[in-house]
PDB file of all heavy atoms in Angstrom:
ATOM      1  N   PRO A   1      13.358  -7.356  -2.471  1.00  0.00           N
ATOM      2  CA  PRO A   1      13.913  -7.738  -3.780  1.00  0.00           C
ATOM      3  C   PRO A   1      12.855  -8.205  -4.777  1.00  0.00           C
ATOM      4  O   PRO A   1      13.010  -8.002  -5.981  1.00  0.00           O
ATOM      5  CB  PRO A   1      14.901  -8.871  -3.434  1.00  0.00           C
ATOM      6  CG  PRO A   1      14.403  -9.421  -2.129  1.00  0.00           C
ATOM      7  CD  PRO A   1      13.809  -8.273  -1.393  1.00  0.00           C
ATOM      8  N   ASP A   2      11.813  -8.857  -4.275  1.00  0.00           N
ATOM      9  CA  ASP A   2      10.747  -9.356  -5.162  1.00  0.00           C
ATOM     10  C   ASP A   2       9.596  -8.350  -5.139  1.00  0.00           C
ATOM     11  O   ASP A   2       8.954  -8.147  -4.099  1.00  0.00           O
ATOM     12  CB  ASP A   2      10.271 -10.741  -4.716  1.00  0.00           C
ATOM     13  CG  ASP A   2       9.419 -11.433  -5.779  1.00  0.00           C
ATOM     14  OD1 ASP A   2       8.547 -10.758  -6.364  1.00  0.00           O
ATOM     15  OD2 ASP A   2       9.622 -12.632  -6.040  1.00  0.00           O
ATOM     16  N   PHE A   3       9.334  -7.731  -6.301  1.00  0.00           N
ATOM     17  CA  PHE A   3       8.311  -6.673  -6.371  1.00  0.00           C
ATOM     18  C   PHE A   3       6.919  -7.226  -6.083  1.00  0.00           C
ATOM     19  O   PHE A   3       6.139  -6.624  -5.343  1.00  0.00           O
ATOM     20  CB  PHE A   3       8.357  -6.037  -7.765  1.00  0.00           C
ATOM     21  CG  PHE A   3       7.505  -4.808  -7.913  1.00  0.00           C
ATOM     22  CD1 PHE A   3       7.907  -3.599  -7.364  1.00  0.00           C
ATOM     23  CD2 PHE A   3       6.305  -4.857  -8.600  1.00  0.00           C
ATOM     24  CE1 PHE A   3       7.132  -2.465  -7.495  1.00  0.00           C
ATOM     25  CE2 PHE A   3       5.520  -3.733  -8.733  1.00  0.00           C
ATOM     26  CZ  PHE A   3       5.931  -2.523  -8.176  1.00  0.00           C
ATOM     27  N   GLN A   4       6.595  -8.384  -6.633  1.00  0.00           N
ATOM     28  CA  GLN A   4       5.260  -8.964  -6.456  1.00  0.00           C
ATOM     29  C   GLN A   4       5.035  -9.399  -5.015  1.00  0.00           C
ATOM     30  O   GLN A   4       3.989  -9.128  -4.424  1.00  0.00           O
ATOM     31  CB  GLN A   4       5.081 -10.141  -7.425  1.00  0.00           C
ATOM     32  CG  GLN A   4       3.693 -10.767  -7.416  1.00  0.00           C
ATOM     33  CD  GLN A   4       3.580 -11.944  -6.460  1.00  0.00           C
ATOM     34  OE1 GLN A   4       4.590 -12.571  -6.114  1.00  0.00           O
ATOM     35  NE2 GLN A   4       2.359 -12.251  -6.043  1.00  0.00           N
ATOM     36  N   LYS A   5       6.009 -10.073  -4.423  1.00  0.00           N
ATOM     37  CA  LYS A   5       5.856 -10.544  -3.044  1.00  0.00           C
ATOM     38  C   LYS A   5       5.847  -9.384  -2.061  1.00  0.00           C
ATOM     39  O   LYS A   5       5.195  -9.453  -1.016  1.00  0.00           O
ATOM     40  CB  LYS A   5       6.981 -11.518  -2.693  1.00  0.00           C
ATOM     41  CG  LYS A   5       6.879 -12.853  -3.430  1.00  0.00           C
ATOM     42  CD  LYS A   5       7.997 -13.795  -3.010  1.00  0.00           C
ATOM     43  CE  LYS A   5       7.883 -15.141  -3.734  1.00  0.00           C
ATOM     44  NZ  LYS A   5       8.975 -16.074  -3.341  1.00  0.00           N
ATOM     45  N   GLY A   6       6.551  -8.314  -2.368  1.00  0.00           N
ATOM     46  CA  GLY A   6       6.573  -7.176  -1.466  1.00  0.00           C
ATOM     47  C   GLY A   6       5.259  -6.418  -1.435  1.00  0.00           C
ATOM     48  O   GLY A   6       4.944  -5.760  -0.428  1.00  0.00           O
ATOM     49  N   LEU A   7       4.469  -6.500  -2.525  1.00  0.00           N
ATOM     50  CA  LEU A   7       3.171  -5.812  -2.574  1.00  0.00           C
ATOM     51  C   LEU A   7       2.000  -6.750  -2.403  1.00  0.00           C
ATOM     52  O   LEU A   7       0.847  -6.310  -2.376  1.00  0.00           O
ATOM     53  CB  LEU A   7       3.028  -5.074  -3.914  1.00  0.00           C
ATOM     54  CG  LEU A   7       4.083  -4.024  -4.237  1.00  0.00           C
ATOM     55  CD1 LEU A   7       3.815  -3.424  -5.611  1.00  0.00           C
ATOM     56  CD2 LEU A   7       4.115  -2.928  -3.176  1.00  0.00           C
ATOM     57  N   LYS A   8       2.252  -8.046  -2.294  1.00  0.00           N
ATOM     58  CA  LYS A   8       1.199  -9.056  -2.295  1.00  0.00           C
ATOM     59  C   LYS A   8       0.227  -8.896  -1.129  1.00  0.00           C
ATOM     60  O   LYS A   8      -0.986  -9.071  -1.295  1.00  0.00           O
ATOM     61  CB  LYS A   8       1.848 -10.441  -2.270  1.00  0.00           C
ATOM     62  CG  LYS A   8       0.871 -11.593  -2.212  1.00  0.00           C
ATOM     63  CD  LYS A   8       1.604 -12.917  -2.176  1.00  0.00           C
ATOM     64  CE  LYS A   8       0.624 -14.078  -2.055  1.00  0.00           C
ATOM     65  NZ  LYS A   8       1.330 -15.389  -2.006  1.00  0.00           N
ATOM     66  N   ASP A   9       0.742  -8.539   0.062  1.00  0.00           N
ATOM     67  CA  ASP A   9      -0.141  -8.443   1.229  1.00  0.00           C
ATOM     68  C   ASP A   9      -0.979  -7.171   1.221  1.00  0.00           C
ATOM     69  O   ASP A   9      -1.930  -7.039   1.999  1.00  0.00           O
ATOM     70  CB  ASP A   9       0.662  -8.538   2.521  1.00  0.00           C
ATOM     71  CG  ASP A   9       1.736  -7.462   2.617  1.00  0.00           C
ATOM     72  OD1 ASP A   9       1.848  -6.632   1.673  1.00  0.00           O
ATOM     73  OD2 ASP A   9       2.480  -7.444   3.623  1.00  0.00           O
ATOM     74  N   GLY A  10      -0.662  -6.199   0.356  1.00  0.00           N
ATOM     75  CA  GLY A  10      -1.460  -4.986   0.231  1.00  0.00           C
ATOM     76  C   GLY A  10      -1.174  -3.918   1.257  1.00  0.00           C
ATOM     77  O   GLY A  10      -1.782  -2.834   1.204  1.00  0.00           O
ATOM     78  N   VAL A  11      -0.255  -4.176   2.206  1.00  0.00           N
ATOM     79  CA  VAL A  11      -0.005  -3.207   3.263  1.00  0.00           C
ATOM     80  C   VAL A  11       0.656  -1.950   2.700  1.00  0.00           C
ATOM     81  O   VAL A  11       0.215  -0.813   2.964  1.00  0.00           O
ATOM     82  CB  VAL A  11       0.879  -3.842   4.366  1.00  0.00           C
ATOM     83  CG1 VAL A  11       1.248  -2.792   5.426  1.00  0.00           C
ATOM     84  CG2 VAL A  11       0.151  -5.008   5.014  1.00  0.00           C
ATOM     85  N   ILE A  12       1.721  -2.129   1.929  1.00  0.00           N
ATOM     86  CA  ILE A  12       2.432  -0.968   1.374  1.00  0.00           C
ATOM     87  C   ILE A  12       1.525  -0.189   0.415  1.00  0.00           C
ATOM     88  O   ILE A  12       1.547   1.055   0.383  1.00  0.00           O
ATOM     89  CB  ILE A  12       3.718  -1.428   0.669  1.00  0.00           C
ATOM     90  CG1 ILE A  12       4.665  -2.066   1.689  1.00  0.00           C
ATOM     91  CG2 ILE A  12       4.391  -0.265  -0.044  1.00  0.00           C
ATOM     92  CD1 ILE A  12       5.969  -2.556   1.081  1.00  0.00           C
ATOM     93  N   LEU A  13       0.698  -0.898  -0.345  1.00  0.00           N
ATOM     94  CA  LEU A  13      -0.200  -0.217  -1.278  1.00  0.00           C
ATOM     95  C   LEU A  13      -1.237   0.615  -0.534  1.00  0.00           C
ATOM     96  O   LEU A  13      -1.572   1.735  -0.962  1.00  0.00           O
ATOM     97  CB  LEU A  13      -0.884  -1.243  -2.185  1.00  0.00           C
ATOM     98  CG  LEU A  13       0.022  -1.979  -3.173  1.00  0.00           C
ATOM     99  CD1 LEU A  13      -0.770  -3.000  -3.978  1.00  0.00           C
ATOM    100  CD2 LEU A  13       0.727  -1.001  -4.104  1.00  0.00           C
ATOM    101  N   CYS A  14      -1.759   0.092   0.580  1.00  0.00           N
ATOM    102  CA  CYS A  14      -2.720   0.878   1.360  1.00  0.00           C
ATOM    103  C   CYS A  14      -2.046   2.097   1.994  1.00  0.00           C
ATOM    104  O   CYS A  14      -2.639   3.176   2.082  1.00  0.00           O
ATOM    105  CB  CYS A  14      -3.338   0.000   2.446  1.00  0.00           C
ATOM    106  SG  CYS A  14      -4.447  -1.286   1.800  1.00  0.00           S
ATOM    107  N   GLU A  15      -0.780   1.914   2.434  1.00  0.00           N
ATOM    108  CA  GLU A  15      -0.035   3.065   2.963  1.00  0.00           C
ATOM    109  C   GLU A  15       0.193   4.105   1.866  1.00  0.00           C
ATOM    110  O   GLU A  15       0.107   5.321   2.118  1.00  0.00           O
ATOM    111  CB  GLU A  15       1.310   2.588   3.527  1.00  0.00           C
ATOM    112  CG  GLU A  15       1.197   1.703   4.753  1.00  0.00           C
ATOM    113  CD  GLU A  15       0.822   2.479   6.010  1.00  0.00           C
ATOM    114  OE1 GLU A  15       0.817   3.731   5.961  1.00  0.00           O
ATOM    115  OE2 GLU A  15       0.519   1.831   7.030  1.00  0.00           O
ATOM    116  N   LEU A  16       0.460   3.645   0.653  1.00  0.00           N
ATOM    117  CA  LEU A  16       0.636   4.560  -0.469  1.00  0.00           C
ATOM    118  C   LEU A  16      -0.643   5.346  -0.740  1.00  0.00           C
ATOM    119  O   LEU A  16      -0.599   6.570  -0.953  1.00  0.00           O
ATOM    120  CB  LEU A  16       1.034   3.760  -1.711  1.00  0.00           C
ATOM    121  CG  LEU A  16       1.090   4.529  -3.037  1.00  0.00           C
ATOM    122  CD1 LEU A  16       2.179   5.585  -3.016  1.00  0.00           C
ATOM    123  CD2 LEU A  16       1.292   3.577  -4.203  1.00  0.00           C
ATOM    124  N   MET A  17      -1.775   4.679  -0.681  1.00  0.00           N
ATOM    125  CA  MET A  17      -3.045   5.345  -0.962  1.00  0.00           C
ATOM    126  C   MET A  17      -3.380   6.380   0.109  1.00  0.00           C
ATOM    127  O   MET A  17      -3.912   7.460  -0.184  1.00  0.00           O
ATOM    128  CB  MET A  17      -4.153   4.293  -1.062  1.00  0.00           C
ATOM    129  CG  MET A  17      -5.331   4.721  -1.889  1.00  0.00           C
ATOM    130  SD  MET A  17      -4.936   4.939  -3.632  1.00  0.00           S
ATOM    131  CE  MET A  17      -5.441   6.634  -3.862  1.00  0.00           C
ATOM    132  N   ASN A  18      -3.026   6.066   1.365  1.00  0.00           N
ATOM    133  CA  ASN A  18      -3.278   7.036   2.443  1.00  0.00           C
ATOM    134  C   ASN A  18      -2.354   8.244   2.346  1.00  0.00           C
ATOM    135  O   ASN A  18      -2.705   9.328   2.812  1.00  0.00           O
ATOM    136  CB  ASN A  18      -3.103   6.356   3.808  1.00  0.00           C
ATOM    137  CG  ASN A  18      -4.293   5.458   4.149  1.00  0.00           C
ATOM    138  OD1 ASN A  18      -5.402   5.657   3.661  1.00  0.00           O
ATOM    139  ND2 ASN A  18      -4.046   4.448   4.989  1.00  0.00           N
ATOM    140  N   LYS A  19      -1.166   8.069   1.727  1.00  0.00           N
ATOM    141  CA  LYS A  19      -0.286   9.215   1.507  1.00  0.00           C
ATOM    142  C   LYS A  19      -0.830  10.115   0.397  1.00  0.00           C
ATOM    143  O   LYS A  19      -0.744  11.331   0.493  1.00  0.00           O
ATOM    144  CB  LYS A  19       1.114   8.722   1.130  1.00  0.00           C
ATOM    145  CG  LYS A  19       1.850   8.027   2.263  1.00  0.00           C
ATOM    146  CD  LYS A  19       2.259   9.008   3.344  1.00  0.00           C
ATOM    147  CE  LYS A  19       3.104   8.311   4.406  1.00  0.00           C
ATOM    148  NZ  LYS A  19       3.528   9.241   5.494  1.00  0.00           N
ATOM    149  N   LEU A  20      -1.393   9.480  -0.645  1.00  0.00           N
ATOM    150  CA  LEU A  20      -1.935  10.269  -1.749  1.00  0.00           C
ATOM    151  C   LEU A  20      -3.242  10.939  -1.367  1.00  0.00           C
ATOM    152  O   LEU A  20      -3.491  12.093  -1.733  1.00  0.00           O
ATOM    153  CB  LEU A  20      -2.151   9.361  -2.972  1.00  0.00           C
ATOM    154  CG  LEU A  20      -0.903   8.679  -3.544  1.00  0.00           C
ATOM    155  CD1 LEU A  20      -1.272   7.800  -4.738  1.00  0.00           C
ATOM    156  CD2 LEU A  20       0.145   9.708  -3.951  1.00  0.00           C
ATOM    157  N   GLN A  21      -4.077  10.216  -0.617  1.00  0.00           N
ATOM    158  CA  GLN A  21      -5.370  10.748  -0.178  1.00  0.00           C
ATOM    159  C   GLN A  21      -5.602  10.262   1.247  1.00  0.00           C
ATOM    160  O   GLN A  21      -5.945   9.101   1.460  1.00  0.00           O
ATOM    161  CB  GLN A  21      -6.501  10.282  -1.101  1.00  0.00           C
ATOM    162  CG  GLN A  21      -7.831  10.950  -0.820  1.00  0.00           C
ATOM    163  CD  GLN A  21      -8.881  10.563  -1.848  1.00  0.00           C
ATOM    164  OE1 GLN A  21      -8.657   9.685  -2.670  1.00  0.00           O
ATOM    165  NE2 GLN A  21     -10.028  11.228  -1.800  1.00  0.00           N
ATOM    166  N   PRO A  22      -5.402  11.105   2.226  1.00  0.00           N
ATOM    167  CA  PRO A  22      -5.470  10.662   3.633  1.00  0.00           C
ATOM    168  C   PRO A  22      -6.825  10.024   3.962  1.00  0.00           C
ATOM    169  O   PRO A  22      -7.875  10.444   3.493  1.00  0.00           O
ATOM    170  CB  PRO A  22      -5.253  11.953   4.427  1.00  0.00           C
ATOM    171  CG  PRO A  22      -4.495  12.834   3.482  1.00  0.00           C
ATOM    172  CD  PRO A  22      -5.002  12.516   2.108  1.00  0.00           C
ATOM    173  N   ASN A  23      -6.729   8.959   4.763  1.00  0.00           N
ATOM    174  CA  ASN A  23      -7.891   8.225   5.270  1.00  0.00           C
ATOM    175  C   ASN A  23      -8.721   7.578   4.146  1.00  0.00           C
ATOM    176  O   ASN A  23      -9.903   7.316   4.340  1.00  0.00           O
ATOM    177  CB  ASN A  23      -8.794   9.142   6.104  1.00  0.00           C
ATOM    178  CG  ASN A  23      -8.099   9.679   7.346  1.00  0.00           C
ATOM    179  OD1 ASN A  23      -7.301   8.966   7.965  1.00  0.00           O
ATOM    180  ND2 ASN A  23      -8.388  10.922   7.701  1.00  0.00           N
ATOM    181  N   SER A  24      -8.111   7.345   3.008  1.00  0.00           N
ATOM    182  CA  SER A  24      -8.840   6.642   1.948  1.00  0.00           C
ATOM    183  C   SER A  24      -8.984   5.149   2.263  1.00  0.00           C
ATOM    184  O   SER A  24      -9.957   4.516   1.857  1.00  0.00           O
ATOM    185  CB  SER A  24      -8.128   6.836   0.610  1.00  0.00           C
ATOM    186  OG  SER A  24      -6.794   6.369   0.691  1.00  0.00           O
ATOM    187  N   VAL A  25      -8.011   4.580   2.990  1.00  0.00           N
ATOM    188  CA  VAL A  25      -8.109   3.196   3.481  1.00  0.00           C
ATOM    189  C   VAL A  25      -8.058   3.271   4.999  1.00  0.00           C
ATOM    190  O   VAL A  25      -7.016   3.503   5.598  1.00  0.00           O
ATOM    191  CB  VAL A  25      -6.958   2.318   2.939  1.00  0.00           C
ATOM    192  CG1 VAL A  25      -7.098   0.885   3.466  1.00  0.00           C
ATOM    193  CG2 VAL A  25      -6.943   2.316   1.414  1.00  0.00           C
ATOM    194  N   ARG A  26      -9.205   3.084   5.637  1.00  0.00           N
ATOM    195  CA  ARG A  26      -9.312   3.299   7.082  1.00  0.00           C
ATOM    196  C   ARG A  26      -8.716   2.140   7.880  1.00  0.00           C
ATOM    197  O   ARG A  26      -8.224   2.330   8.987  1.00  0.00           O
ATOM    198  CB  ARG A  26     -10.778   3.506   7.468  1.00  0.00           C
ATOM    199  CG  ARG A  26     -11.385   4.756   6.825  1.00  0.00           C
ATOM    200  CD  ARG A  26     -12.815   4.970   7.279  1.00  0.00           C
ATOM    201  NE  ARG A  26     -13.390   6.165   6.681  1.00  0.00           N
ATOM    202  CZ  ARG A  26     -13.235   7.402   7.160  1.00  0.00           C
ATOM    203  NH1 ARG A  26     -12.517   7.604   8.254  1.00  0.00           N
ATOM    204  NH2 ARG A  26     -13.783   8.431   6.541  1.00  0.00           N
TER     205      ARG A  26
END
């Protein structure tokens, strides 16, 4: 429900980056 708290730990964002460009965040 909270957009900032859901992205705060960076896990989902790193998963997003690996979907856009595989192995960009190892």
